[in-house]
C-alpha atoms as a PDB file:
ATOM      1  CA  MET A   1     -31.435  17.850   0.579  1.00  0.00           C
ATOM      2  CA  LYS A   2     -34.622  15.855   0.008  1.00  0.00           C
ATOM      3  CA  THR A   3     -33.195  14.425  -3.232  1.00  0.00           C
ATOM      4  CA  PHE A   4     -29.940  13.505  -1.479  1.00  0.00           C
ATOM      5  CA  GLY A   5     -31.903  11.811   1.307  1.00  0.00           C
ATOM      6  CA  ARG A   6     -33.886   9.792  -1.222  1.00  0.00           C
ATOM      7  CA  ILE A   7     -30.676   8.691  -2.963  1.00  0.00           C
ATOM      8  CA  LEU A   8     -29.205   7.554   0.365  1.00  0.00           C
ATOM      9  CA  LYS A   9     -32.371   5.610   1.191  1.00  0.00           C
ATOM     10  CA  ARG A  10     -32.287   3.934  -2.215  1.00  0.00           C
ATOM     11  CA  ILE A  11     -28.620   2.994  -1.841  1.00  0.00           C
ATOM     12  CA  PHE A  12     -29.308   1.618   1.646  1.00  0.00           C
ATOM     13  CA  SER A  13     -32.236  -0.434   0.333  1.00  0.00           C
ATOM     14  CA  LEU A  14     -30.096  -1.890  -2.454  1.00  0.00           C
ATOM     15  CA  LEU A  15     -27.302  -2.787  -0.035  1.00  0.00           C
ATOM     16  CA  LEU A  16     -29.777  -4.399   2.349  1.00  0.00           C
ATOM     17  CA  ALA A  17     -31.292  -6.420  -0.501  1.00  0.00           C
ATOM     18  CA  ALA A  18     -27.797  -7.529  -1.588  1.00  0.00           C
ATOM     19  CA  VAL A  19     -26.945  -8.656   1.962  1.00  0.00           C
ATOM     20  CA  VAL A  20     -30.221 -10.589   2.255  1.00  0.00           C
ATOM     21  CA  LEU A  21     -29.659 -12.299  -1.111  1.00  0.00           C
ATOM     22  CA  PHE A  22     -26.089 -13.198  -0.143  1.00  0.00           C
ATOM     23  CA  CYS A  23     -27.285 -14.698   3.154  1.00  0.00           C
ATOM     24  CA  ILE A  24     -29.922 -16.740   1.320  1.00  0.00           C
ATOM     25  CA  TYR A  25     -27.275 -17.921  -1.149  1.00  0.00           C
ATOM     26  CA  ALA A  26     -24.945 -18.889   1.718  1.00  0.00           C
ATOM     27  CA  VAL A  27     -27.706 -20.840   3.475  1.00  0.00           C
ATOM     28  CA  ILE A  28     -28.523 -22.702   0.245  1.00  0.00           C
ATOM     29  CA  LEU A  29     -24.859 -23.650  -0.186  1.00  0.00           C
ATOM     30  CA  VAL A  30     -24.634 -24.888   3.405  1.00  0.00           C
ATOM     31  CA  VAL A  31     -27.761 -27.010   2.940  1.00  0.00           C
ATOM     32  CA  LYS A  32     -26.550 -28.388  -0.393  1.00  0.00           C
ATOM     33  CA  ALA A  33     -23.124 -29.167   1.052  1.00  0.00           C
ATOM     34  CA  GLY A  34     -24.618 -31.779   3.361  1.00  0.00           C
ATOM     35  CA  LYS A  35     -23.310 -33.221   6.597  1.00  0.00           C
ATOM     36  CA  GLY A  36     -19.543 -33.398   6.841  1.00  0.00           C
ATOM     37  CA  LYS A  37     -19.010 -31.222   3.766  1.00  0.00           C
ATOM     38  CA  VAL A  38     -17.390 -27.790   3.708  1.00  0.00           C
ATOM     39  CA  PRO A  39     -19.664 -25.167   2.099  1.00  0.00           C
ATOM     40  CA  MET A  40     -17.673 -23.048  -0.363  1.00  0.00           C
ATOM     41  CA  ILE A  41     -18.720 -19.492  -1.236  1.00  0.00           C
ATOM     42  CA  PHE A  42     -16.838 -17.841  -4.104  1.00  0.00           C
ATOM     43  CA  GLY A  43     -13.902 -20.172  -3.509  1.00  0.00           C
ATOM     44  CA  TYR A  44     -13.781 -19.684   0.275  1.00  0.00           C
ATOM     45  CA  GLY A  45     -14.873 -22.025   3.053  1.00  0.00           C
ATOM     46  CA  ILE A  46     -15.513 -21.529   6.760  1.00  0.00           C
ATOM     47  CA  LEU A  47     -14.897 -24.236   9.358  1.00  0.00           C
ATOM     48  CA  ASN A  48     -15.473 -24.393  13.081  1.00  0.00           C
ATOM     49  CA  VAL A  49     -12.599 -26.063  14.963  1.00  0.00           C
ATOM     50  CA  VAL A  50     -13.669 -28.698  17.509  1.00  0.00           C
ATOM     51  CA  THR A  51     -10.391 -30.492  18.330  1.00  0.00           C
ATOM     52  CA  GLY A  52      -7.047 -29.402  19.751  1.00  0.00           C
ATOM     53  CA  SER A  53      -4.752 -31.089  17.239  1.00  0.00           C
ATOM     54  CA  MET A  54      -3.463 -27.718  15.976  1.00  0.00           C
ATOM     55  CA  VAL A  55      -2.968 -26.010  19.361  1.00  0.00           C
ATOM     56  CA  PRO A  56      -1.598 -23.387  19.944  1.00  0.00           C
ATOM     57  CA  VAL A  57      -1.934 -22.013  16.398  1.00  0.00           C
ATOM     58  CA  ILE A  58      -5.583 -23.050  16.094  1.00  0.00           C
ATOM     59  CA  ASN A  59      -7.655 -23.774  19.202  1.00  0.00           C
ATOM     60  CA  PRO A  60     -11.043 -25.432  19.743  1.00  0.00           C
ATOM     61  CA  GLY A  61     -13.732 -22.802  19.289  1.00  0.00           C
ATOM     62  CA  ASP A  62     -11.760 -20.891  16.643  1.00  0.00           C
ATOM     63  CA  VAL A  63     -13.065 -20.477  13.111  1.00  0.00           C
ATOM     64  CA  ILE A  64     -10.773 -20.837  10.111  1.00  0.00           C
ATOM     65  CA  ILE A  65     -11.234 -19.488   6.620  1.00  0.00           C
ATOM     66  CA  VAL A  66      -9.774 -21.565   3.805  1.00  0.00           C
ATOM     67  CA  LYS A  67      -9.235 -20.612   0.194  1.00  0.00           C
ATOM     68  CA  LYS A  68      -9.564 -23.117  -2.620  1.00  0.00           C
ATOM     69  CA  ILE A  69      -6.274 -23.345  -4.514  1.00  0.00           C
ATOM     70  CA  ASP A  70      -4.699 -25.693  -7.001  1.00  0.00           C
ATOM     71  CA  ALA A  71      -3.029 -28.636  -5.246  1.00  0.00           C
ATOM     72  CA  SER A  72       0.213 -27.902  -7.110  1.00  0.00           C
ATOM     73  CA  GLU A  73       0.472 -24.594  -5.193  1.00  0.00           C
ATOM     74  CA  ILE A  74       0.538 -26.303  -1.776  1.00  0.00           C
ATOM     75  CA  LYS A  75       3.934 -26.290  -0.094  1.00  0.00           C
ATOM     76  CA  LYS A  76       5.532 -27.690   3.030  1.00  0.00           C
ATOM     77  CA  ASP A  77       4.372 -25.934   6.237  1.00  0.00           C
ATOM     78  CA  ASP A  78       1.056 -24.839   4.674  1.00  0.00           C
ATOM     79  CA  VAL A  79      -2.012 -25.554   6.804  1.00  0.00           C
ATOM     80  CA  ILE A  80      -4.644 -27.243   4.669  1.00  0.00           C
ATOM     81  CA  CYS A  81      -8.193 -28.464   5.099  1.00  0.00           C
ATOM     82  CA  PHE A  82      -8.916 -31.848   3.546  1.00  0.00           C
ATOM     83  CA  TYR A  83     -11.367 -34.726   3.606  1.00  0.00           C
ATOM     84  CA  SER A  84      -9.678 -37.390   5.703  1.00  0.00           C
ATOM     85  CA  THR A  85      -8.914 -40.899   4.466  1.00  0.00           C
ATOM     86  CA  ASP A  86      -8.409 -42.112   8.056  1.00  0.00           C
ATOM     87  CA  PRO A  87     -11.052 -44.853   8.626  1.00  0.00           C
ATOM     88  CA  SER A  88     -11.953 -43.386  12.045  1.00  0.00           C
ATOM     89  CA  ILE A  89     -13.012 -40.040  10.512  1.00  0.00           C
ATOM     90  CA  PHE A  90     -13.275 -41.038   6.868  1.00  0.00           C
ATOM     91  CA  GLY A  91     -14.735 -38.347   4.639  1.00  0.00           C
ATOM     92  CA  LEU A  92     -14.850 -35.707   7.362  1.00  0.00           C
ATOM     93  CA  PRO A  93     -12.966 -32.397   7.024  1.00  0.00           C
ATOM     94  CA  ASN A  94      -9.681 -32.180   8.909  1.00  0.00           C
ATOM     95  CA  THR A  95      -7.149 -29.353   9.181  1.00  0.00           C
ATOM     96  CA  HIS A  96      -3.444 -30.148   9.642  1.00  0.00           C
ATOM     97  CA  ARG A  97      -0.068 -28.856   8.544  1.00  0.00           C
ATOM     98  CA  VAL A  98       1.732 -30.229   5.472  1.00  0.00           C
ATOM     99  CA  ILE A  99       5.104 -31.672   6.467  1.00  0.00           C
ATOM    100  CA  GLU A 100       5.921 -33.308   3.145  1.00  0.00           C
ATOM    101  CA  VAL A 101       4.797 -33.021  -0.471  1.00  0.00           C
ATOM    102  CA  GLY A 102       5.163 -36.220  -2.484  1.00  0.00           C
ATOM    103  CA  LYS A 103       3.602 -38.390  -5.182  1.00  0.00           C
ATOM    104  CA  ASP A 104       1.805 -41.725  -5.098  1.00  0.00           C
ATOM    105  CA  GLU A 105       2.612 -44.769  -7.217  1.00  0.00           C
ATOM    106  CA  ASN A 106       0.684 -43.242 -10.117  1.00  0.00           C
ATOM    107  CA  GLY A 107       2.655 -39.988  -9.985  1.00  0.00           C
ATOM    108  CA  ARG A 108      -0.189 -37.972  -8.500  1.00  0.00           C
ATOM    109  CA  LEU A 109       0.383 -35.401  -5.771  1.00  0.00           C
ATOM    110  CA  GLU A 110      -0.211 -36.442  -2.185  1.00  0.00           C
ATOM    111  CA  PHE A 111       0.545 -34.762   1.130  1.00  0.00           C
ATOM    112  CA  THR A 112       1.859 -35.974   4.470  1.00  0.00           C
ATOM    113  CA  THR A 113       0.209 -34.004   7.263  1.00  0.00           C
ATOM    114  CA  LYS A 114       0.516 -33.597  11.012  1.00  0.00           C
ATOM    115  CA  GLY A 115      -1.296 -31.712  13.722  1.00  0.00           C
ATOM    116  CA  ASP A 116       0.982 -29.215  15.477  1.00  0.00           C
ATOM    117  CA  ALA A 117      -0.035 -30.636  18.861  1.00  0.00           C
ATOM    118  CA  ASN A 118       0.386 -34.260  17.769  1.00  0.00           C
ATOM    119  CA  SER A 119       3.616 -36.137  18.377  1.00  0.00           C
ATOM    120  CA  LEU A 120       3.284 -38.253  15.227  1.00  0.00           C
ATOM    121  CA  GLU A 121       2.441 -37.506  11.620  1.00  0.00           C
ATOM    122  CA  ASP A 122      -0.917 -38.615  10.243  1.00  0.00           C
ATOM    123  CA  GLU A 123      -0.904 -42.277   9.271  1.00  0.00           C
ATOM    124  CA  TYR A 124      -2.821 -41.735   6.029  1.00  0.00           C
ATOM    125  CA  LYS A 125      -1.671 -39.537   3.148  1.00  0.00           C
ATOM    126  CA  VAL A 126      -3.900 -36.849   1.670  1.00  0.00           C
ATOM    127  CA  PRO A 127      -4.608 -37.297  -2.064  1.00  0.00           C
ATOM    128  CA  TRP A 128      -4.633 -34.027  -4.000  1.00  0.00           C
ATOM    129  CA  GLU A 129      -8.329 -34.416  -4.871  1.00  0.00           C
ATOM    130  CA  ASN A 130      -9.238 -34.505  -1.165  1.00  0.00           C
ATOM    131  CA  VAL A 131      -7.843 -31.026  -0.499  1.00  0.00           C
ATOM    132  CA  VAL A 132     -10.557 -28.467   0.276  1.00  0.00           C
ATOM    133  CA  GLY A 133      -8.316 -25.431   0.562  1.00  0.00           C
ATOM    134  CA  LYS A 134      -5.458 -23.634   2.272  1.00  0.00           C
ATOM    135  CA  GLU A 135      -5.958 -21.868   5.598  1.00  0.00           C
ATOM    136  CA  ILE A 136      -5.669 -18.093   5.157  1.00  0.00           C
ATOM    137  CA  LYS A 137      -7.212 -16.728   8.352  1.00  0.00           C
ATOM    138  CA  VAL A 138      -7.903 -17.858  11.911  1.00  0.00           C
ATOM    139  CA  ILE A 139     -10.656 -16.043  13.810  1.00  0.00           C
ATOM    140  CA  LYS A 140     -10.046 -16.505  17.518  1.00  0.00           C
ATOM    141  CA  HIS A 141     -12.553 -17.235  20.297  1.00  0.00           C
ATOM    142  CA  VAL A 142     -15.630 -17.316  18.071  1.00  0.00           C
ATOM    143  CA  ASP A 143     -17.228 -19.793  20.486  1.00  0.00           C
ATOM    144  CA  LYS A 144     -17.270 -17.089  23.181  1.00  0.00           C
ATOM    145  CA  ILE A 145     -18.899 -14.634  20.797  1.00  0.00           C
ATOM    146  CA  ILE A 146     -21.538 -17.244  19.901  1.00  0.00           C
ATOM    147  CA  LYS A 147     -22.269 -17.844  23.590  1.00  0.00           C
ATOM    148  CA  VAL A 148     -22.779 -14.095  24.098  1.00  0.00           C
ATOM    149  CA  ILE A 149     -25.089 -13.865  21.083  1.00  0.00           C
ATOM    150  CA  GLN A 150     -27.094 -16.864  22.271  1.00  0.00           C
ATOM    151  CA  ASN A 151     -27.612 -15.219  25.677  1.00  0.00           C
ATOM    152  CA  ARG A 152     -31.275 -14.165  26.033  1.00  0.00           C
ATOM    153  CA  TYR A 153     -30.290 -10.770  27.511  1.00  0.00           C
ATOM    154  CA  PHE A 154     -28.118 -10.008  24.470  1.00  0.00           C
ATOM    155  CA  PHE A 155     -31.014 -10.954  22.225  1.00  0.00           C
ATOM    156  CA  PHE A 156     -33.400  -8.694  24.163  1.00  0.00           C
ATOM    157  CA  PHE A 157     -31.232  -5.583  24.465  1.00  0.00           C
ATOM    158  CA  VAL A 158     -29.432  -5.745  21.129  1.00  0.00           C
ATOM    159  CA  LEU A 159     -32.206  -7.056  18.877  1.00  0.00           C
ATOM    160  CA  VAL A 160     -35.659  -6.714  20.447  1.00  0.00           C
ATOM    161  CA  ILE A 161     -35.420  -3.190  21.905  1.00  0.00           C
ATOM    162  CA  PRO A 162     -33.878  -1.614  18.756  1.00  0.00           C
ATOM    163  CA  LEU A 163     -36.501  -3.388  16.616  1.00  0.00           C
ATOM    164  CA  VAL A 164     -39.328  -2.048  18.771  1.00  0.00           C
ATOM    165  CA  GLY A 165     -37.756   1.425  18.540  1.00  0.00           C
ATOM    166  CA  VAL A 166     -37.604   1.267  14.746  1.00  0.00           C
ATOM    167  CA  VAL A 167     -41.231   0.105  14.515  1.00  0.00           C
ATOM    168  CA  PHE A 168     -42.324   2.906  16.883  1.00  0.00           C
ATOM    169  CA  ILE A 169     -40.494   5.563  14.823  1.00  0.00           C
ATOM    170  CA  GLU A 170     -42.047   4.241  11.608  1.00  0.00           C
ATOM    171  CA  ILE A 171     -45.519   4.376  13.172  1.00  0.00           C
ATOM    172  CA  LEU A 172     -44.904   8.013  14.168  1.00  0.00           C
ATOM    173  CA  ASN A 173     -43.729   8.868  10.647  1.00  0.00           C
ATOM    174  CA  ILE A 174     -46.783   7.214   9.104  1.00  0.00           C
ATOM    175  CA  SER A 175     -49.128   9.041  11.475  1.00  0.00           C
ATOM    176  CA  LYS A 176     -47.474  12.399  10.621  1.00  0.00           C
ATOM    177  CA  VAL A 177     -47.818  11.758   6.889  1.00  0.00           C
ATOM    178  CA  THR A 178     -51.456  10.731   7.373  1.00  0.00           C
ATOM    179  CA  LYS A 179     -52.217  13.911   9.338  1.00  0.00           C
ATOM    180  CA  LYS A 180     -50.547  16.090   6.685  1.00  0.00           C
ATOM    181  CA  ASN A 181     -52.499  14.437   3.889  1.00  0.00           C
ATOM    182  CA  GLY A 182     -55.702  14.726   5.900  1.00  0.00           C
ATOM    183  CA  GLY A 183     -55.045  18.423   6.541  1.00  0.00           C
ATOM    184  CA  ARG A 184     -54.449  19.071   2.854  1.00  0.00           C
ATOM    185  CA  GLU A 185     -57.697  17.335   1.900  1.00  0.00           C
ATOM    186  CA  SER A 186     -59.587  19.401   4.505  1.00  0.00           C
ATOM    187  CA  ASP A 187     -58.055  22.635   3.183  1.00  0.00           C
ATOM    188  CA  GLY A 188     -59.053  21.684  -0.358  1.00  0.00           C
ATOM    189  CA  GLU A 189     -62.656  21.006   0.700  1.00  0.00           C
ATOM    190  CA  ASN A 190     -62.849  24.328   2.571  1.00  0.00           C
ATOM    191  CA  LYS A 191     -61.566  26.235  -0.465  1.00  0.00           C
ATOM    192  CA  GLU A 192     -64.176  24.609  -2.700  1.00  0.00           C
ATOM    193  CA  THR A 193     -66.916  25.463  -0.187  1.00  0.00           C
ATOM    194  CA  ASP A 194     -65.748  29.070  -0.050  1.00  0.00           C
ATOM    195  CA  LYS A 195     -65.814  29.324  -3.830  1.00  0.00           C
ATOM    196  CA  ASP A 196     -69.322  27.902  -4.006  1.00  0.00           C
ATOM    197  CA  GLY A 197     -70.524  30.182  -1.197  1.00  0.00           C
ATOM    198  CA  GLY A 198     -68.942  33.280  -2.693  1.00  0.00           C
ATOM    199  CA  GLY A 199     -70.513  32.700  -6.085  1.00  0.00           C
ATOM    200  CA  HIS A 200     -74.092  32.311  -4.743  1.00  0.00           C
ATOM    201  CA  LYS A 201     -76.355  35.397  -4.859  1.00  0.00           C
ATOM    202  CA  GLU A 202     -79.889  35.786  -3.558  1.00  0.00           C
END
């Protein structure tokens, strides 16, 4: 049982280290991506939706996950994320639905897009090289979850109290181990004293 427990602890430690390294890697990618850029992790990107142009499919406060794919795989009705060529939001990521797949004067792929909630299609085409990825998942109401997490009571009861509990348990475990080791040392000293005393003759 002790060996099994040690194996479980080791596996848990390795998993925790892997999670920490992944988080560090993700943070580095976000920082390197820069303002207005979509950080990509293993070919996937995460974007927070701030406008209502895709309501009701995608609402403000939702988070979408996009997968990087070859532009030739994009079809009509796909929802794509792209860096806009519209002067008002030039270079910023935008997410709209493809309503037409065509080619420019040089024969390169380009896409006509439109927000589901918009009455008109986007004025500017999307060149294939501006495509970030195709939407594969919408996570609803993430803004509400973030508000809950940011609440100081959530932080106190979910993070602080459990952390204090873990520290307290570890202190108890350390004190028990210390007492056991101290008891063993005392027993060893007593045995040596008994041997010395028993071997002495007057």
